[in-house]
Amino acid sequence: MASIFTRIVNGEIPCHKICEDDNYLAFLDINPLAKGHTLVIPKKEIDYLFDLDDDLLAGMAVFAKKVARAIDKIIDCKRVGVVVLGLEVPHAHIHLIPINSLHDTEFSRPKLKLSSDELKLIAEKIKNALED
């Protein structure tokens, strides 16, 4: 059965898309730890990040860097943190999380409750920052 992320890639489930190319997709997390919390995934469904072939993994890092720089332009934060857990969805992914302290990446913290309109606005701002 396809992962929820594969279903997003296939357009079966909507998302607040930031950007995509032939191999990768970046979209907002709907249960974010911070405004701008973004997921970067390979379009190819592979469960474990370190099972990606070297070229796909390296390309994903470069793709995530571009997205992280755009997030950093529009979200007031010290850095964009990178977190890889890999247990919650059986599809390799990277969390890009705007942070101001180490505690900002604790997934046990309560998640933000953002409306679809708020998420849409954040996604648009990040998309626009990609073009700058």
Protein backbone atom coordinates (compact mmCIF):
# COMPACT_ATOMS: atom_id res chain seq x y z
CA MET A 1 0.00 0.00 0.00
CA ALA A 2 1.28 3.44 -0.92
CA SER A 3 2.48 5.70 1.88
CA ILE A 4 0.60 8.90 2.66
CA PHE A 5 3.50 10.79 1.04
CA THR A 6 3.23 8.76 -2.16
CA ARG A 7 -0.47 9.55 -2.20
CA ILE A 8 0.43 13.25 -1.90
CA VAL A 9 2.94 12.91 -4.76
CA ASN A 10 0.23 11.22 -6.87
CA GLY A 11 -2.26 14.02 -6.14
CA GLU A 12 -4.64 11.74 -4.22
CA ILE A 13 -4.24 13.83 -1.04
CA PRO A 14 -3.89 17.62 -1.16
CA CYS A 15 -0.93 19.44 0.33
CA HIS A 16 0.41 22.96 0.72
CA LYS A 17 3.14 22.55 -1.87
CA ILE A 18 6.27 24.67 -1.69
CA CYS A 19 8.07 23.31 -4.75
CA GLU A 20 8.86 20.18 -6.68
CA ASP A 21 10.98 18.84 -9.48
CA ASP A 22 11.18 15.43 -11.15
CA ASN A 23 12.64 13.76 -8.07
CA TYR A 24 11.57 15.71 -4.96
CA LEU A 25 8.63 17.46 -3.34
CA ALA A 26 8.54 19.99 -0.50
CA PHE A 27 5.29 20.76 1.31
CA LEU A 28 4.16 22.16 4.64
CA ASP A 29 3.66 19.80 7.56
CA ILE A 30 -0.03 19.97 8.53
CA ASN A 31 0.92 19.35 12.19
CA PRO A 32 3.83 21.77 12.44
CA LEU A 33 6.13 22.45 15.34
CA ALA A 34 6.58 26.00 13.96
CA LYS A 35 5.20 28.15 11.17
CA GLY A 36 7.05 27.15 8.03
CA HIS A 37 7.73 23.54 9.16
CA THR A 38 8.26 21.81 5.83
CA LEU A 39 8.73 18.23 4.71
CA VAL A 40 11.09 17.32 1.88
CA ILE A 41 10.61 13.91 0.29
CA PRO A 42 11.88 11.98 -2.69
CA LYS A 43 9.03 11.22 -5.05
CA LYS A 44 10.23 7.62 -5.22
CA GLU A 45 8.84 5.71 -2.24
CA ILE A 46 11.75 4.39 -0.24
CA ASP A 47 11.17 3.83 3.48
CA TYR A 48 14.57 4.60 4.99
CA LEU A 49 16.58 7.71 4.16
CA PHE A 50 19.85 5.80 4.10
CA ASP A 51 18.45 3.29 1.60
CA LEU A 52 18.32 6.08 -1.01
CA ASP A 53 21.03 5.72 -3.62
CA ASP A 54 23.86 8.21 -3.27
CA ASP A 55 22.73 10.49 -6.10
CA LEU A 56 19.13 10.66 -4.85
CA LEU A 57 20.27 11.35 -1.28
CA ALA A 58 22.74 14.05 -2.36
CA GLY A 59 20.14 15.65 -4.62
CA MET A 60 17.64 15.66 -1.77
CA ALA A 61 20.11 17.55 0.44
CA VAL A 62 20.64 20.19 -2.26
CA PHE A 63 16.88 20.48 -2.85
CA ALA A 64 16.29 20.84 0.92
CA LYS A 65 18.98 23.53 1.12
CA LYS A 66 17.14 25.65 -1.46
CA VAL A 67 13.88 25.28 0.45
CA ALA A 68 15.53 25.99 3.82
CA ARG A 69 17.02 29.23 2.51
CA ALA A 70 13.56 30.35 1.35
CA ILE A 71 12.04 29.46 4.74
CA ASP A 72 14.79 31.44 6.47
CA LYS A 73 13.92 34.51 4.38
CA ILE A 74 10.29 34.68 5.52
CA ILE A 75 10.20 33.14 9.00
CA ASP A 76 11.79 34.95 11.94
CA CYS A 77 14.17 32.32 13.32
CA LYS A 78 17.82 31.79 14.19
CA ARG A 79 18.13 28.85 11.83
CA VAL A 80 16.21 26.28 9.92
CA GLY A 81 16.81 23.00 11.72
CA VAL A 82 17.01 19.68 9.92
CA VAL A 83 15.50 16.64 11.59
CA VAL A 84 15.34 13.09 10.28
CA LEU A 85 13.36 10.64 12.36
CA GLY A 86 11.92 8.28 9.82
CA LEU A 87 9.56 6.35 12.06
CA GLU A 88 6.25 8.13 11.61
CA VAL A 89 5.77 7.56 7.85
CA PRO A 90 7.40 4.72 5.90
CA HIS A 91 8.74 7.10 3.24
CA ALA A 92 12.12 8.85 3.50
CA HIS A 93 11.73 12.50 4.53
CA ILE A 94 13.48 15.47 6.04
CA HIS A 95 11.83 17.96 8.40
CA LEU A 96 12.90 21.59 7.90
CA ILE A 97 11.88 23.43 11.06
CA PRO A 98 12.42 27.13 11.82
CA ILE A 99 14.11 27.16 15.25
CA ASN A 100 15.34 29.56 17.90
CA SER A 101 16.44 26.94 20.46
CA LEU A 102 17.17 23.22 20.70
CA HIS A 103 13.75 22.64 22.26
CA ASP A 104 12.03 23.80 19.07
CA THR A 105 12.72 20.40 17.47
CA GLU A 106 11.13 18.32 20.22
CA PHE A 107 8.33 16.38 18.59
CA SER A 108 6.74 15.71 21.99
CA ARG A 109 5.77 19.41 22.15
CA PRO A 110 2.20 20.37 21.23
CA LYS A 111 1.82 21.03 17.53
CA LEU A 112 0.52 24.32 16.17
CA LYS A 113 -3.08 24.47 15.06
CA LEU A 114 -3.04 26.43 11.79
CA SER A 115 -5.97 26.85 9.46
CA SER A 116 -5.77 25.81 5.84
CA ASP A 117 -5.79 29.51 4.92
CA GLU A 118 -2.82 30.19 7.22
CA LEU A 119 -0.91 27.25 5.75
CA LYS A 120 -1.73 28.41 2.22
CA LEU A 121 -0.40 31.91 2.98
CA ILE A 122 2.83 30.55 4.50
CA ALA A 123 3.35 28.24 1.52
CA GLU A 124 2.87 31.13 -0.90
CA LYS A 125 5.38 33.29 0.98
CA ILE A 126 7.99 30.51 0.93
CA LYS A 127 7.34 29.88 -2.78
CA ASN A 128 7.82 33.56 -3.51
CA ALA A 129 11.06 33.58 -1.51
CA LEU A 130 12.36 30.74 -3.70
CA GLU A 131 12.10 33.05 -6.69
CA ASP A 132 14.03 35.93 -5.07
